[in-house]
Amino acid sequence: MDALYFRVSSDRQTTENQFDDLLHVAERDGSGRDWPRIRDLLAQCVYEEPTASGRTVYRVRPEVVAQLAEHCVHFCHLPRARARP
């Protein structure tokens, strides 16, 4: 398995919804990676931070991203798209 791609595009969709299905496939790849540890790190990677306005901002923990990289798992955080006019 060369890559897993998680994407959240709606309020009803979360990365947790996608973890189980994709990681079950990844665990069968025969790479010998520590998938239980990787699963745990992925669950810790992003956290919610409420703002004064009531919105939620999603932040990435760089120290967890570094630990994932040690397992050859790379995390890419794309900025949120601008609102359409």
C-alpha atoms as a PDB file:
ATOM      1  CA  MET A   1       0.000   0.000   0.000  1.00  0.00           C
ATOM      2  CA  ASP A   2       1.610   3.242  -1.113  1.00  0.00           C
ATOM      3  CA  ALA A   3      -0.891   5.801   0.177  1.00  0.00           C
ATOM      4  CA  LEU A   4      -4.067   6.404   2.138  1.00  0.00           C
ATOM      5  CA  TYR A   5      -6.059   9.545   1.536  1.00  0.00           C
ATOM      6  CA  PHE A   6      -8.477  10.962   4.098  1.00  0.00           C
ATOM      7  CA  ARG A   7     -10.629  13.919   3.156  1.00  0.00           C
ATOM      8  CA  VAL A   8     -13.432  15.668   4.984  1.00  0.00           C
ATOM      9  CA  SER A   9     -15.831  17.576   2.798  1.00  0.00           C
ATOM     10  CA  SER A  10     -19.024  17.943   4.808  1.00  0.00           C
ATOM     11  CA  ASP A  11     -20.319  18.373   8.344  1.00  0.00           C
ATOM     12  CA  ARG A  12     -21.488  14.757   8.366  1.00  0.00           C
ATOM     13  CA  GLN A  13     -18.164  13.358   7.220  1.00  0.00           C
ATOM     14  CA  THR A  14     -15.199  12.976   9.549  1.00  0.00           C
ATOM     15  CA  THR A  15     -11.812  11.331   9.236  1.00  0.00           C
ATOM     16  CA  GLU A  16     -12.994   8.855  11.879  1.00  0.00           C
ATOM     17  CA  ASN A  17     -15.684   7.675   9.460  1.00  0.00           C
ATOM     18  CA  GLN A  18     -12.943   6.778   7.011  1.00  0.00           C
ATOM     19  CA  PHE A  19     -10.266   5.390   9.374  1.00  0.00           C
ATOM     20  CA  ASP A  20     -11.683   1.939   9.956  1.00  0.00           C
ATOM     21  CA  ASP A  21     -12.372   1.042   6.335  1.00  0.00           C
ATOM     22  CA  LEU A  22      -9.091   2.333   4.967  1.00  0.00           C
ATOM     23  CA  LEU A  23      -6.914   1.096   7.802  1.00  0.00           C
ATOM     24  CA  HIS A  24      -8.403  -2.404   7.598  1.00  0.00           C
ATOM     25  CA  VAL A  25      -7.241  -2.511   3.992  1.00  0.00           C
ATOM     26  CA  ALA A  26      -3.843  -1.055   4.908  1.00  0.00           C
ATOM     27  CA  GLU A  27      -3.285  -3.643   7.646  1.00  0.00           C
ATOM     28  CA  ARG A  28      -3.382  -6.370   4.997  1.00  0.00           C
ATOM     29  CA  ASP A  29      -0.595  -4.783   2.907  1.00  0.00           C
ATOM     30  CA  GLY A  30       2.157  -7.018   4.283  1.00  0.00           C
ATOM     31  CA  SER A  31       4.489  -4.085   4.979  1.00  0.00           C
ATOM     32  CA  GLY A  32       5.071  -4.998   8.610  1.00  0.00           C
ATOM     33  CA  ARG A  33       4.123  -1.486   9.750  1.00  0.00           C
ATOM     34  CA  ASP A  34       2.817  -1.041  13.292  1.00  0.00           C
ATOM     35  CA  TRP A  35      -0.757  -0.289  12.209  1.00  0.00           C
ATOM     36  CA  PRO A  36      -2.224  -0.204  15.743  1.00  0.00           C
ATOM     37  CA  ARG A  37       0.312   2.502  16.658  1.00  0.00           C
ATOM     38  CA  ILE A  38      -0.305   4.362  13.386  1.00  0.00           C
ATOM     39  CA  ARG A  39      -4.053   4.199  13.993  1.00  0.00           C
ATOM     40  CA  ASP A  40      -3.539   5.688  17.467  1.00  0.00           C
ATOM     41  CA  LEU A  41      -1.336   8.496  16.136  1.00  0.00           C
ATOM     42  CA  LEU A  42      -3.804   9.355  13.372  1.00  0.00           C
ATOM     43  CA  ALA A  43      -6.547   9.667  15.975  1.00  0.00           C
ATOM     44  CA  GLN A  44      -4.392  12.190  17.875  1.00  0.00           C
ATOM     45  CA  CYS A  45      -3.166  14.166  14.874  1.00  0.00           C
ATOM     46  CA  VAL A  46      -5.975  16.707  14.480  1.00  0.00           C
ATOM     47  CA  TYR A  47      -7.810  18.478  17.270  1.00  0.00           C
ATOM     48  CA  GLU A  48     -10.691  20.939  17.423  1.00  0.00           C
ATOM     49  CA  GLU A  49     -10.257  24.426  18.823  1.00  0.00           C
ATOM     50  CA  PRO A  50     -13.403  26.493  19.411  1.00  0.00           C
ATOM     51  CA  THR A  51     -13.171  30.210  18.638  1.00  0.00           C
ATOM     52  CA  ALA A  52     -14.808  33.158  20.380  1.00  0.00           C
ATOM     53  CA  SER A  53     -17.241  33.446  17.451  1.00  0.00           C
ATOM     54  CA  GLY A  54     -18.493  29.901  18.022  1.00  0.00           C
ATOM     55  CA  ARG A  55     -16.781  28.387  14.988  1.00  0.00           C
ATOM     56  CA  THR A  56     -14.515  25.392  15.238  1.00  0.00           C
ATOM     57  CA  VAL A  57     -10.972  25.495  13.906  1.00  0.00           C
ATOM     58  CA  TYR A  58      -9.107  22.268  13.240  1.00  0.00           C
ATOM     59  CA  ARG A  59      -5.444  22.268  14.245  1.00  0.00           C
ATOM     60  CA  VAL A  60      -2.674  19.789  13.523  1.00  0.00           C
ATOM     61  CA  ARG A  61      -0.279  18.578  16.201  1.00  0.00           C
ATOM     62  CA  PRO A  62       3.191  18.817  14.587  1.00  0.00           C
ATOM     63  CA  GLU A  63       4.761  16.461  17.135  1.00  0.00           C
ATOM     64  CA  VAL A  64       2.290  13.733  16.149  1.00  0.00           C
ATOM     65  CA  VAL A  65       2.923  14.392  12.445  1.00  0.00           C
ATOM     66  CA  ALA A  66       6.646  13.860  13.147  1.00  0.00           C
ATOM     67  CA  GLN A  67       5.891  10.529  14.851  1.00  0.00           C
ATOM     68  CA  LEU A  68       3.777   9.440  11.885  1.00  0.00           C
ATOM     69  CA  ALA A  69       6.651  10.273   9.529  1.00  0.00           C
ATOM     70  CA  GLU A  70       8.831   7.835  11.505  1.00  0.00           C
ATOM     71  CA  HIS A  71       6.348   5.153  10.402  1.00  0.00           C
ATOM     72  CA  CYS A  72       6.508   6.376   6.776  1.00  0.00           C
ATOM     73  CA  VAL A  73       3.055   7.907   7.108  1.00  0.00           C
ATOM     74  CA  HIS A  74       2.906  11.473   5.874  1.00  0.00           C
ATOM     75  CA  PHE A  75       0.249  13.983   6.777  1.00  0.00           C
ATOM     76  CA  CYS A  76      -0.691  16.867   4.525  1.00  0.00           C
ATOM     77  CA  HIS A  77      -2.976  19.585   5.841  1.00  0.00           C
ATOM     78  CA  LEU A  78      -4.494  21.688   3.088  1.00  0.00           C
ATOM     79  CA  PRO A  79      -5.840  25.122   3.958  1.00  0.00           C
ATOM     80  CA  ARG A  80      -9.573  25.530   3.813  1.00  0.00           C
ATOM     81  CA  ALA A  81     -10.878  26.826   0.530  1.00  0.00           C
ATOM     82  CA  ARG A  82     -12.161  30.376   0.500  1.00  0.00           C
ATOM     83  CA  ALA A  83     -15.860  30.929   0.662  1.00  0.00           C
ATOM     84  CA  ARG A  84     -17.458  31.569  -2.684  1.00  0.00           C
ATOM     85  CA  PRO A  85     -18.672  35.116  -3.302  1.00  0.00           C
END
